[in-house]
Amino acid sequence: MFLAVKIIVTAIIVVIISEISRRYTLAASLLASLPLTSILAFIWIYYESGDVEKISQMSHEIFWLVIPSLLFFIILPFLLKTGMKFYLALGGASLIMAVIYISGIFLYKIIK
């Protein structure tokens, strides 16, 4: 039952952002940029386990993993402005982001 609640709440947030974007892209962008997924994950983890150490660790790791994802939001509009078709640009930006993630995780394991 709790899994269904988590899915419904998360889906509602995505739908709200999508609907707002029809008229107000800046407002939708603001909502989408908030760490809503992370906050919900922290709430679900705390509710289920009360493990604040896990939440602290996850928060720290999310910080470092946000950096590569920010590049996606620079690369995607760049590719679209060059005239690349949407799905190709989305795939290209995603592929570049994935390479940066993999490289970052590799470096993180070496440094840690």
PDB file of N, CA and C in Angstrom:
ATOM      1  N   MET A   1       0.826  -1.198   0.000  1.00  0.00           N
ATOM      2  CA  MET A   1       0.000   0.000   0.000  1.00  0.00           C
ATOM      3  C   MET A   1       0.873   1.265   0.000  1.00  0.00           C
ATOM      4  N   PHE A   2       1.931   1.255   0.834  1.00  0.00           N
ATOM      5  CA  PHE A   2       2.799   2.428   0.919  1.00  0.00           C
ATOM      6  C   PHE A   2       3.506   2.669  -0.410  1.00  0.00           C
ATOM      7  N   LEU A   3       3.869   1.605  -1.107  1.00  0.00           N
ATOM      8  CA  LEU A   3       4.494   1.745  -2.421  1.00  0.00           C
ATOM      9  C   LEU A   3       3.560   2.474  -3.380  1.00  0.00           C
ATOM     10  N   ALA A   4       2.294   2.153  -3.346  1.00  0.00           N
ATOM     11  CA  ALA A   4       1.310   2.818  -4.212  1.00  0.00           C
ATOM     12  C   ALA A   4       1.223   4.303  -3.878  1.00  0.00           C
ATOM     13  N   VAL A   5       1.245   4.656  -2.603  1.00  0.00           N
ATOM     14  CA  VAL A   5       1.204   6.058  -2.188  1.00  0.00           C
ATOM     15  C   VAL A   5       2.435   6.792  -2.720  1.00  0.00           C
ATOM     16  N   LYS A   6       3.609   6.178  -2.607  1.00  0.00           N
ATOM     17  CA  LYS A   6       4.838   6.804  -3.105  1.00  0.00           C
ATOM     18  C   LYS A   6       4.749   7.045  -4.614  1.00  0.00           C
ATOM     19  N   ILE A   7       4.259   6.074  -5.338  1.00  0.00           N
ATOM     20  CA  ILE A   7       4.149   6.202  -6.791  1.00  0.00           C
ATOM     21  C   ILE A   7       3.159   7.304  -7.159  1.00  0.00           C
ATOM     22  N   ILE A   8       2.028   7.330  -6.501  1.00  0.00           N
ATOM     23  CA  ILE A   8       0.994   8.318  -6.812  1.00  0.00           C
ATOM     24  C   ILE A   8       1.471   9.736  -6.508  1.00  0.00           C
ATOM     25  N   VAL A   9       2.080   9.956  -5.345  1.00  0.00           N
ATOM     26  CA  VAL A   9       2.563  11.285  -4.976  1.00  0.00           C
ATOM     27  C   VAL A   9       3.619  11.764  -5.975  1.00  0.00           C
ATOM     28  N   THR A  10       4.556  10.898  -6.306  1.00  0.00           N
ATOM     29  CA  THR A  10       5.613  11.257  -7.246  1.00  0.00           C
ATOM     30  C   THR A  10       5.033  11.553  -8.630  1.00  0.00           C
ATOM     31  N   ALA A  11       4.105  10.742  -9.092  1.00  0.00           N
ATOM     32  CA  ALA A  11       3.477  10.955 -10.402  1.00  0.00           C
ATOM     33  C   ALA A  11       2.699  12.263 -10.426  1.00  0.00           C
ATOM     34  N   ILE A  12       2.012  12.579  -9.360  1.00  0.00           N
ATOM     35  CA  ILE A  12       1.244  13.824  -9.297  1.00  0.00           C
ATOM     36  C   ILE A  12       2.165  15.030  -9.447  1.00  0.00           C
ATOM     37  N   ILE A  13       3.321  14.994  -8.814  1.00  0.00           N
ATOM     38  CA  ILE A  13       4.275  16.107  -8.913  1.00  0.00           C
ATOM     39  C   ILE A  13       4.734  16.281 -10.355  1.00  0.00           C
ATOM     40  N   VAL A  14       5.059  15.188 -11.018  1.00  0.00           N
ATOM     41  CA  VAL A  14       5.517  15.256 -12.418  1.00  0.00           C
ATOM     42  C   VAL A  14       4.408  15.805 -13.311  1.00  0.00           C
ATOM     43  N   VAL A  15       3.179  15.368 -13.113  1.00  0.00           N
ATOM     44  CA  VAL A  15       2.053  15.833 -13.920  1.00  0.00           C
ATOM     45  C   VAL A  15       1.802  17.320 -13.665  1.00  0.00           C
ATOM     46  N   ILE A  16       1.874  17.756 -12.431  1.00  0.00           N
ATOM     47  CA  ILE A  16       1.673  19.174 -12.108  1.00  0.00           C
ATOM     48  C   ILE A  16       2.712  20.027 -12.832  1.00  0.00           C
ATOM     49  N   ILE A  17       3.970  19.612 -12.771  1.00  0.00           N
ATOM     50  CA  ILE A  17       5.031  20.365 -13.454  1.00  0.00           C
ATOM     51  C   ILE A  17       4.774  20.397 -14.961  1.00  0.00           C
ATOM     52  N   SER A  18       4.389  19.277 -15.518  1.00  0.00           N
ATOM     53  CA  SER A  18       4.109  19.202 -16.951  1.00  0.00           C
ATOM     54  C   SER A  18       2.961  20.129 -17.342  1.00  0.00           C
ATOM     55  N   GLU A  19       1.919  20.147 -16.555  1.00  0.00           N
ATOM     56  CA  GLU A  19       0.762  20.991 -16.855  1.00  0.00           C
ATOM     57  C   GLU A  19       1.099  22.477 -16.698  1.00  0.00           C
ATOM     58  N   ILE A  20       1.840  22.833 -15.676  1.00  0.00           N
ATOM     59  CA  ILE A  20       2.228  24.230 -15.474  1.00  0.00           C
ATOM     60  C   ILE A  20       3.090  24.708 -16.637  1.00  0.00           C
ATOM     61  N   SER A  21       3.925  23.813 -17.170  1.00  0.00           N
ATOM     62  CA  SER A  21       4.836  24.202 -18.262  1.00  0.00           C
ATOM     63  C   SER A  21       4.102  24.624 -19.529  1.00  0.00           C
ATOM     64  N   ARG A  22       2.860  24.243 -19.676  1.00  0.00           N
ATOM     65  CA  ARG A  22       2.085  24.643 -20.860  1.00  0.00           C
ATOM     66  C   ARG A  22       1.935  26.158 -20.938  1.00  0.00           C
ATOM     67  N   ARG A  23       1.814  26.808 -19.785  1.00  0.00           N
ATOM     68  CA  ARG A  23       1.598  28.259 -19.780  1.00  0.00           C
ATOM     69  C   ARG A  23       2.760  29.024 -19.177  1.00  0.00           C
ATOM     70  N   TYR A  24       3.441  28.432 -18.221  1.00  0.00           N
ATOM     71  CA  TYR A  24       4.479  29.157 -17.482  1.00  0.00           C
ATOM     72  C   TYR A  24       5.743  28.313 -17.396  1.00  0.00           C
ATOM     73  N   THR A  25       6.578  28.404 -18.414  1.00  0.00           N
ATOM     74  CA  THR A  25       7.768  27.554 -18.429  1.00  0.00           C
ATOM     75  C   THR A  25       8.725  27.895 -17.292  1.00  0.00           C
ATOM     76  N   LEU A  26       8.827  29.173 -16.926  1.00  0.00           N
ATOM     77  CA  LEU A  26       9.727  29.547 -15.830  1.00  0.00           C
ATOM     78  C   LEU A  26       9.251  28.942 -14.507  1.00  0.00           C
ATOM     79  N   ALA A  27       7.957  29.013 -14.240  1.00  0.00           N
ATOM     80  CA  ALA A  27       7.416  28.434 -13.003  1.00  0.00           C
ATOM     81  C   ALA A  27       7.620  26.915 -12.991  1.00  0.00           C
ATOM     82  N   ALA A  28       7.378  26.274 -14.120  1.00  0.00           N
ATOM     83  CA  ALA A  28       7.577  24.822 -14.216  1.00  0.00           C
ATOM     84  C   ALA A  28       9.058  24.482 -14.052  1.00  0.00           C
ATOM     85  N   SER A  29       9.917  25.302 -14.633  1.00  0.00           N
ATOM     86  CA  SER A  29      11.363  25.074 -14.502  1.00  0.00           C
ATOM     87  C   SER A  29      11.802  25.215 -13.052  1.00  0.00           C
ATOM     88  N   LEU A  30      11.245  26.196 -12.376  1.00  0.00           N
ATOM     89  CA  LEU A  30      11.569  26.377 -10.957  1.00  0.00           C
ATOM     90  C   LEU A  30      11.171  25.142 -10.152  1.00  0.00           C
ATOM     91  N   LEU A  31       9.948  24.674 -10.374  1.00  0.00           N
ATOM     92  CA  LEU A  31       9.495  23.473  -9.657  1.00  0.00           C
ATOM     93  C   LEU A  31      10.342  22.254 -10.004  1.00  0.00           C
ATOM     94  N   ALA A  32      10.671  22.110 -11.291  1.00  0.00           N
ATOM     95  CA  ALA A  32      11.467  20.960 -11.721  1.00  0.00           C
ATOM     96  C   ALA A  32      12.886  21.027 -11.179  1.00  0.00           C
ATOM     97  N   SER A  33      13.383  22.241 -10.955  1.00  0.00           N
ATOM     98  CA  SER A  33      14.758  22.375 -10.472  1.00  0.00           C
ATOM     99  C   SER A  33      14.886  22.101  -8.972  1.00  0.00           C
ATOM    100  N   LEU A  34      13.778  22.148  -8.279  1.00  0.00           N
ATOM    101  CA  LEU A  34      13.827  21.847  -6.847  1.00  0.00           C
ATOM    102  C   LEU A  34      14.178  20.381  -6.649  1.00  0.00           C
ATOM    103  N   PRO A  35      14.875  20.081  -5.586  1.00  0.00           N
ATOM    104  CA  PRO A  35      15.247  18.673  -5.358  1.00  0.00           C
ATOM    105  C   PRO A  35      14.082  17.852  -4.806  1.00  0.00           C
ATOM    106  N   LEU A  36      12.930  17.929  -5.495  1.00  0.00           N
ATOM    107  CA  LEU A  36      11.733  17.247  -5.005  1.00  0.00           C
ATOM    108  C   LEU A  36      11.907  15.737  -4.925  1.00  0.00           C
ATOM    109  N   THR A  37      12.557  15.165  -5.921  1.00  0.00           N
ATOM    110  CA  THR A  37      12.775  13.723  -5.908  1.00  0.00           C
ATOM    111  C   THR A  37      13.628  13.325  -4.716  1.00  0.00           C
ATOM    112  N   SER A  38      14.677  14.087  -4.470  1.00  0.00           N
ATOM    113  CA  SER A  38      15.554  13.790  -3.336  1.00  0.00           C
ATOM    114  C   SER A  38      14.811  13.955  -2.020  1.00  0.00           C
ATOM    115  N   ILE A  39      14.054  15.029  -1.907  1.00  0.00           N
ATOM    116  CA  ILE A  39      13.302  15.263  -0.670  1.00  0.00           C
ATOM    117  C   ILE A  39      12.305  14.144  -0.427  1.00  0.00           C
ATOM    118  N   LEU A  40      11.585  13.750  -1.480  1.00  0.00           N
ATOM    119  CA  LEU A  40      10.644  12.634  -1.329  1.00  0.00           C
ATOM    120  C   LEU A  40      11.370  11.349  -0.941  1.00  0.00           C
ATOM    121  N   ALA A  41      12.510  11.093  -1.577  1.00  0.00           N
ATOM    122  CA  ALA A  41      13.271   9.889  -1.237  1.00  0.00           C
ATOM    123  C   ALA A  41      13.704   9.928   0.228  1.00  0.00           C
ATOM    124  N   PHE A  42      14.162  11.093   0.696  1.00  0.00           N
ATOM    125  CA  PHE A  42      14.563  11.218   2.103  1.00  0.00           C
ATOM    126  C   PHE A  42      13.378  10.952   3.029  1.00  0.00           C
ATOM    127  N   ILE A  43      12.230  11.502   2.677  1.00  0.00           N
ATOM    128  CA  ILE A  43      11.029  11.283   3.502  1.00  0.00           C
ATOM    129  C   ILE A  43      10.661   9.810   3.524  1.00  0.00           C
ATOM    130  N   TRP A  44      10.665   9.160   2.332  1.00  0.00           N
ATOM    131  CA  TRP A  44      10.297   7.735   2.284  1.00  0.00           C
ATOM    132  C   TRP A  44      11.301   6.900   3.078  1.00  0.00           C
ATOM    133  N   ILE A  45      12.588   7.183   2.930  1.00  0.00           N
ATOM    134  CA  ILE A  45      13.614   6.430   3.668  1.00  0.00           C
ATOM    135  C   ILE A  45      13.441   6.623   5.172  1.00  0.00           C
ATOM    136  N   TYR A  46      13.242   7.874   5.587  1.00  0.00           N
ATOM    137  CA  TYR A  46      13.084   8.145   7.022  1.00  0.00           C
ATOM    138  C   TYR A  46      11.831   7.477   7.564  1.00  0.00           C
ATOM    139  N   TYR A  47      10.745   7.555   6.800  1.00  0.00           N
ATOM    140  CA  TYR A  47       9.491   6.941   7.238  1.00  0.00           C
ATOM    141  C   TYR A  47       9.635   5.434   7.400  1.00  0.00           C
ATOM    142  N   GLU A  48      10.341   4.818   6.448  1.00  0.00           N
ATOM    143  CA  GLU A  48      10.466   3.358   6.469  1.00  0.00           C
ATOM    144  C   GLU A  48      11.528   2.852   7.429  1.00  0.00           C
ATOM    145  N   SER A  49      12.633   3.620   7.593  1.00  0.00           N
ATOM    146  CA  SER A  49      13.732   3.085   8.394  1.00  0.00           C
ATOM    147  C   SER A  49      14.177   3.990   9.540  1.00  0.00           C
ATOM    148  N   GLY A  50      13.940   5.284   9.432  1.00  0.00           N
ATOM    149  CA  GLY A  50      14.435   6.217  10.446  1.00  0.00           C
ATOM    150  C   GLY A  50      15.942   6.363  10.418  1.00  0.00           C
ATOM    151  N   ASP A  51      16.568   5.901   9.352  1.00  0.00           N
ATOM    152  CA  ASP A  51      18.028   5.878   9.241  1.00  0.00           C
ATOM    153  C   ASP A  51      18.556   7.222   8.730  1.00  0.00           C
ATOM    154  N   VAL A  52      18.880   8.120   9.660  1.00  0.00           N
ATOM    155  CA  VAL A  52      19.361   9.447   9.264  1.00  0.00           C
ATOM    156  C   VAL A  52      20.786   9.386   8.709  1.00  0.00           C
ATOM    157  N   GLU A  53      21.561   8.396   9.100  1.00  0.00           N
ATOM    158  CA  GLU A  53      22.912   8.242   8.551  1.00  0.00           C
ATOM    159  C   GLU A  53      22.842   7.932   7.059  1.00  0.00           C
ATOM    160  N   LYS A  54      21.911   7.073   6.684  1.00  0.00           N
ATOM    161  CA  LYS A  54      21.729   6.744   5.266  1.00  0.00           C
ATOM    162  C   LYS A  54      21.306   7.994   4.491  1.00  0.00           C
ATOM    163  N   ILE A  55      20.415   8.788   5.059  1.00  0.00           N
ATOM    164  CA  ILE A  55      19.958  10.016   4.410  1.00  0.00           C
ATOM    165  C   ILE A  55      21.113  11.007   4.281  1.00  0.00           C
ATOM    166  N   SER A  56      21.919  11.115   5.322  1.00  0.00           N
ATOM    167  CA  SER A  56      23.079  12.014   5.283  1.00  0.00           C
ATOM    168  C   SER A  56      24.056  11.586   4.192  1.00  0.00           C
ATOM    169  N   GLN A  57      24.356  10.313   4.128  1.00  0.00           N
ATOM    170  CA  GLN A  57      25.264   9.778   3.105  1.00  0.00           C
ATOM    171  C   GLN A  57      24.703  10.023   1.714  1.00  0.00           C
ATOM    172  N   MET A  58      23.418   9.750   1.557  1.00  0.00           N
ATOM    173  CA  MET A  58      22.777   9.921   0.255  1.00  0.00           C
ATOM    174  C   MET A  58      22.785  11.394  -0.161  1.00  0.00           C
ATOM    175  N   SER A  59      22.534  12.283   0.778  1.00  0.00           N
ATOM    176  CA  SER A  59      22.546  13.716   0.492  1.00  0.00           C
ATOM    177  C   SER A  59      23.921  14.165   0.003  1.00  0.00           C
ATOM    178  N   HIS A  60      24.951  13.688   0.642  1.00  0.00           N
ATOM    179  CA  HIS A  60      26.322  14.024   0.247  1.00  0.00           C
ATOM    180  C   HIS A  60      26.617  13.496  -1.156  1.00  0.00           C
ATOM    181  N   GLU A  61      26.223  12.264  -1.431  1.00  0.00           N
ATOM    182  CA  GLU A  61      26.469  11.670  -2.743  1.00  0.00           C
ATOM    183  C   GLU A  61      25.661  12.366  -3.842  1.00  0.00           C
ATOM    184  N   ILE A  62      24.431  12.766  -3.517  1.00  0.00           N
ATOM    185  CA  ILE A  62      23.613  13.483  -4.494  1.00  0.00           C
ATOM    186  C   ILE A  62      24.293  14.780  -4.889  1.00  0.00           C
ATOM    187  N   PHE A  63      24.861  15.477  -3.914  1.00  0.00           N
ATOM    188  CA  PHE A  63      25.552  16.738  -4.213  1.00  0.00           C
ATOM    189  C   PHE A  63      26.579  16.539  -5.319  1.00  0.00           C
ATOM    190  N   TRP A  64      27.416  15.517  -5.181  1.00  0.00           N
ATOM    191  CA  TRP A  64      28.471  15.289  -6.166  1.00  0.00           C
ATOM    192  C   TRP A  64      27.925  14.789  -7.496  1.00  0.00           C
ATOM    193  N   LEU A  65      26.795  14.102  -7.470  1.00  0.00           N
ATOM    194  CA  LEU A  65      26.218  13.580  -8.702  1.00  0.00           C
ATOM    195  C   LEU A  65      25.360  14.607  -9.448  1.00  0.00           C
ATOM    196  N   VAL A  66      25.005  15.690  -8.783  1.00  0.00           N
ATOM    197  CA  VAL A  66      24.250  16.749  -9.445  1.00  0.00           C
ATOM    198  C   VAL A  66      25.138  17.473 -10.454  1.00  0.00           C
ATOM    199  N   ILE A  67      26.408  17.578 -10.166  1.00  0.00           N
ATOM    200  CA  ILE A  67      27.318  18.327 -11.032  1.00  0.00           C
ATOM    201  C   ILE A  67      27.306  17.785 -12.472  1.00  0.00           C
ATOM    202  N   PRO A  68      27.471  16.475 -12.689  1.00  0.00           N
ATOM    203  CA  PRO A  68      27.396  15.987 -14.079  1.00  0.00           C
ATOM    204  C   PRO A  68      26.026  16.201 -14.712  1.00  0.00           C
ATOM    205  N   SER A  69      24.961  16.107 -13.913  1.00  0.00           N
ATOM    206  CA  SER A  69      23.634  16.281 -14.498  1.00  0.00           C
ATOM    207  C   SER A  69      23.399  17.720 -14.936  1.00  0.00           C
ATOM    208  N   LEU A  70      24.067  18.669 -14.315  1.00  0.00           N
ATOM    209  CA  LEU A  70      23.930  20.064 -14.736  1.00  0.00           C
ATOM    210  C   LEU A  70      24.442  20.257 -16.161  1.00  0.00           C
ATOM    211  N   LEU A  71      25.457  19.495 -16.525  1.00  0.00           N
ATOM    212  CA  LEU A  71      25.984  19.593 -17.891  1.00  0.00           C
ATOM    213  C   LEU A  71      24.937  19.194 -18.927  1.00  0.00           C
ATOM    214  N   PHE A  72      24.062  18.274 -18.570  1.00  0.00           N
ATOM    215  CA  PHE A  72      22.975  17.869 -19.465  1.00  0.00           C
ATOM    216  C   PHE A  72      22.148  19.084 -19.880  1.00  0.00           C
ATOM    217  N   PHE A  73      21.879  19.969 -18.918  1.00  0.00           N
ATOM    218  CA  PHE A  73      21.033  21.130 -19.180  1.00  0.00           C
ATOM    219  C   PHE A  73      21.760  22.230 -19.945  1.00  0.00           C
ATOM    220  N   ILE A  74      23.063  22.086 -20.106  1.00  0.00           N
ATOM    221  CA  ILE A  74      23.823  22.981 -20.972  1.00  0.00           C
ATOM    222  C   ILE A  74      23.934  22.370 -22.364  1.00  0.00           C
ATOM    223  N   ILE A  75      24.184  21.074 -22.415  1.00  0.00           N
ATOM    224  CA  ILE A  75      24.394  20.380 -23.682  1.00  0.00           C
ATOM    225  C   ILE A  75      23.103  20.277 -24.499  1.00  0.00           C
ATOM    226  N   LEU A  76      21.980  19.925 -23.856  1.00  0.00           N
ATOM    227  CA  LEU A  76      20.723  19.733 -24.589  1.00  0.00           C
ATOM    228  C   LEU A  76      20.297  20.991 -25.351  1.00  0.00           C
ATOM    229  N   PRO A  77      20.196  22.156 -24.721  1.00  0.00           N
ATOM    230  CA  PRO A  77      19.785  23.323 -25.517  1.00  0.00           C
ATOM    231  C   PRO A  77      20.805  23.692 -26.595  1.00  0.00           C
ATOM    232  N   PHE A  78      22.081  23.445 -26.310  1.00  0.00           N
ATOM    233  CA  PHE A  78      23.100  23.707 -27.330  1.00  0.00           C
ATOM    234  C   PHE A  78      22.849  22.858 -28.569  1.00  0.00           C
ATOM    235  N   LEU A  79      22.621  21.563 -28.360  1.00  0.00           N
ATOM    236  CA  LEU A  79      22.370  20.664 -29.492  1.00  0.00           C
ATOM    237  C   LEU A  79      21.082  21.034 -30.229  1.00  0.00           C
ATOM    238  N   LEU A  80      20.059  21.417 -29.494  1.00  0.00           N
ATOM    239  CA  LEU A  80      18.801  21.810 -30.130  1.00  0.00           C
ATOM    240  C   LEU A  80      18.970  23.080 -30.954  1.00  0.00           C
ATOM    241  N   LYS A  81      19.757  24.014 -30.457  1.00  0.00           N
ATOM    242  CA  LYS A  81      19.974  25.269 -31.184  1.00  0.00           C
ATOM    243  C   LYS A  81      20.807  25.068 -32.448  1.00  0.00           C
ATOM    244  N   THR A  82      21.559  23.980 -32.507  1.00  0.00           N
ATOM    245  CA  THR A  82      22.316  23.693 -33.727  1.00  0.00           C
ATOM    246  C   THR A  82      21.430  23.068 -34.798  1.00  0.00           C
ATOM    247  N   GLY A  83      20.151  22.841 -34.473  1.00  0.00           N
ATOM    248  CA  GLY A  83      19.220  22.279 -35.442  1.00  0.00           C
ATOM    249  C   GLY A  83      19.050  20.777 -35.330  1.00  0.00           C
ATOM    250  N   MET A  84      19.686  20.169 -34.345  1.00  0.00           N
ATOM    251  CA  MET A  84      19.563  18.722 -34.179  1.00  0.00           C
ATOM    252  C   MET A  84      18.124  18.372 -33.777  1.00  0.00           C
ATOM    253  N   LYS A  85      17.614  17.275 -34.307  1.00  0.00           N
ATOM    254  CA  LYS A  85      16.270  16.809 -33.970  1.00  0.00           C
ATOM    255  C   LYS A  85      16.199  16.493 -32.473  1.00  0.00           C
ATOM    256  N   PHE A  86      14.988  16.665 -31.900  1.00  0.00           N
ATOM    257  CA  PHE A  86      14.817  16.554 -30.449  1.00  0.00           C
ATOM    258  C   PHE A  86      15.339  15.239 -29.878  1.00  0.00           C
ATOM    259  N   TYR A  87      14.877  14.118 -30.402  1.00  0.00           N
ATOM    260  CA  TYR A  87      15.257  12.836 -29.811  1.00  0.00           C
ATOM    261  C   TYR A  87      16.749  12.546 -29.979  1.00  0.00           C
ATOM    262  N   LEU A  88      17.321  12.987 -31.065  1.00  0.00           N
ATOM    263  CA  LEU A  88      18.753  12.817 -31.266  1.00  0.00           C
ATOM    264  C   LEU A  88      19.534  13.687 -30.265  1.00  0.00           C
ATOM    265  N   ALA A  89      19.089  14.926 -30.085  1.00  0.00           N
ATOM    266  CA  ALA A  89      19.731  15.820 -29.122  1.00  0.00           C
ATOM    267  C   ALA A  89      19.575  15.286 -27.704  1.00  0.00           C
ATOM    268  N   LEU A  90      18.383  14.773 -27.387  1.00  0.00           N
ATOM    269  CA  LEU A  90      18.137  14.205 -26.064  1.00  0.00           C
ATOM    270  C   LEU A  90      19.039  13.001 -25.821  1.00  0.00           C
ATOM    271  N   GLY A  91      19.143  12.152 -26.825  1.00  0.00           N
ATOM    272  CA  GLY A  91      20.013  10.983 -26.709  1.00  0.00           C
ATOM    273  C   GLY A  91      21.478  11.364 -26.600  1.00  0.00           C
ATOM    274  N   GLY A  92      21.897  12.341 -27.413  1.00  0.00           N
ATOM    275  CA  GLY A  92      23.291  12.785 -27.364  1.00  0.00           C
ATOM    276  C   GLY A  92      23.640  13.410 -26.025  1.00  0.00           C
ATOM    277  N   ALA A  93      22.768  14.275 -25.527  1.00  0.00           N
ATOM    278  CA  ALA A  93      23.008  14.906 -24.225  1.00  0.00           C
ATOM    279  C   ALA A  93      23.015  13.856 -23.118  1.00  0.00           C
ATOM    280  N   SER A  94      22.130  12.887 -23.220  1.00  0.00           N
ATOM    281  CA  SER A  94      22.066  11.814 -22.219  1.00  0.00           C
ATOM    282  C   SER A  94      23.322  10.950 -22.261  1.00  0.00           C
ATOM    283  N   LEU A  95      23.792  10.655 -23.475  1.00  0.00           N
ATOM    284  CA  LEU A  95      25.000   9.844 -23.619  1.00  0.00           C
ATOM    285  C   LEU A  95      26.217  10.566 -23.028  1.00  0.00           C
ATOM    286  N   ILE A  96      26.345  11.840 -23.346  1.00  0.00           N
ATOM    287  CA  ILE A  96      27.472  12.618 -22.794  1.00  0.00           C
ATOM    288  C   ILE A  96      27.380  12.663 -21.274  1.00  0.00           C
ATOM    289  N   MET A  97      26.170  12.874 -20.755  1.00  0.00           N
ATOM    290  CA  MET A  97      25.981  12.896 -19.305  1.00  0.00           C
ATOM    291  C   MET A  97      26.359  11.544 -18.686  1.00  0.00           C
ATOM    292  N   ALA A  98      25.975  10.460 -19.337  1.00  0.00           N
ATOM    293  CA  ALA A  98      26.294   9.129 -18.823  1.00  0.00           C
ATOM    294  C   ALA A  98      27.804   8.911 -18.773  1.00  0.00           C
ATOM    295  N   VAL A  99      28.507   9.342 -19.807  1.00  0.00           N
ATOM    296  CA  VAL A  99      29.968   9.214 -19.825  1.00  0.00           C
ATOM    297  C   VAL A  99      30.590  10.010 -18.683  1.00  0.00           C
ATOM    298  N   ILE A 100      30.065  11.210 -18.456  1.00  0.00           N
ATOM    299  CA  ILE A 100      30.588  12.043 -17.365  1.00  0.00           C
ATOM    300  C   ILE A 100      30.281  11.399 -16.013  1.00  0.00           C
ATOM    301  N   TYR A 101      29.081  10.843 -15.857  1.00  0.00           N
ATOM    302  CA  TYR A 101      28.742  10.129 -14.622  1.00  0.00           C
ATOM    303  C   TYR A 101      29.693   8.961 -14.372  1.00  0.00           C
ATOM    304  N   ILE A 102      29.887   8.143 -15.387  1.00  0.00           N
ATOM    305  CA  ILE A 102      30.754   6.970 -15.241  1.00  0.00           C
ATOM    306  C   ILE A 102      32.172   7.404 -14.888  1.00  0.00           C
ATOM    307  N   SER A 103      32.661   8.438 -15.562  1.00  0.00           N
ATOM    308  CA  SER A 103      33.998   8.947 -15.260  1.00  0.00           C
ATOM    309  C   SER A 103      34.069   9.466 -13.829  1.00  0.00           C
ATOM    310  N   GLY A 104      33.038  10.196 -13.421  1.00  0.00           N
ATOM    311  CA  GLY A 104      33.005  10.743 -12.065  1.00  0.00           C
ATOM    312  C   GLY A 104      32.961   9.658 -11.005  1.00  0.00           C
ATOM    313  N   ILE A 105      32.165   8.628 -11.243  1.00  0.00           N
ATOM    314  CA  ILE A 105      32.084   7.522 -10.275  1.00  0.00           C
ATOM    315  C   ILE A 105      33.421   6.801 -10.199  1.00  0.00           C
ATOM    316  N   PHE A 106      34.054   6.608 -11.349  1.00  0.00           N
ATOM    317  CA  PHE A 106      35.371   5.975 -11.381  1.00  0.00           C
ATOM    318  C   PHE A 106      36.369   6.793 -10.559  1.00  0.00           C
ATOM    319  N   LEU A 107      36.383   8.111 -10.775  1.00  0.00           N
ATOM    320  CA  LEU A 107      37.292   8.985 -10.013  1.00  0.00           C
ATOM    321  C   LEU A 107      36.962   8.978  -8.525  1.00  0.00           C
ATOM    322  N   TYR A 108      35.667   8.970  -8.199  1.00  0.00           N
ATOM    323  CA  TYR A 108      35.230   8.955  -6.806  1.00  0.00           C
ATOM    324  C   TYR A 108      35.760   7.716  -6.088  1.00  0.00           C
ATOM    325  N   LYS A 109      35.725   6.572  -6.770  1.00  0.00           N
ATOM    326  CA  LYS A 109      36.215   5.337  -6.155  1.00  0.00           C
ATOM    327  C   LYS A 109      37.724   5.354  -5.982  1.00  0.00           C
ATOM    328  N   ILE A 110      38.424   5.986  -6.917  1.00  0.00           N
ATOM    329  CA  ILE A 110      39.876   6.087  -6.803  1.00  0.00           C
ATOM    330  C   ILE A 110      40.275   6.999  -5.639  1.00  0.00           C
ATOM    331  N   ILE A 111      39.598   8.141  -5.556  1.00  0.00           N
ATOM    332  CA  ILE A 111      39.926   9.128  -4.527  1.00  0.00           C
ATOM    333  C   ILE A 111      39.504   8.651  -3.143  1.00  0.00           C
ATOM    334  N   LYS A 112      38.381   7.992  -3.066  1.00  0.00           N
ATOM    335  CA  LYS A 112      37.835   7.530  -1.779  1.00  0.00           C
ATOM    336  C   LYS A 112      38.697   6.446  -1.256  1.00  0.00           C
TER     337      LYS A 112
END
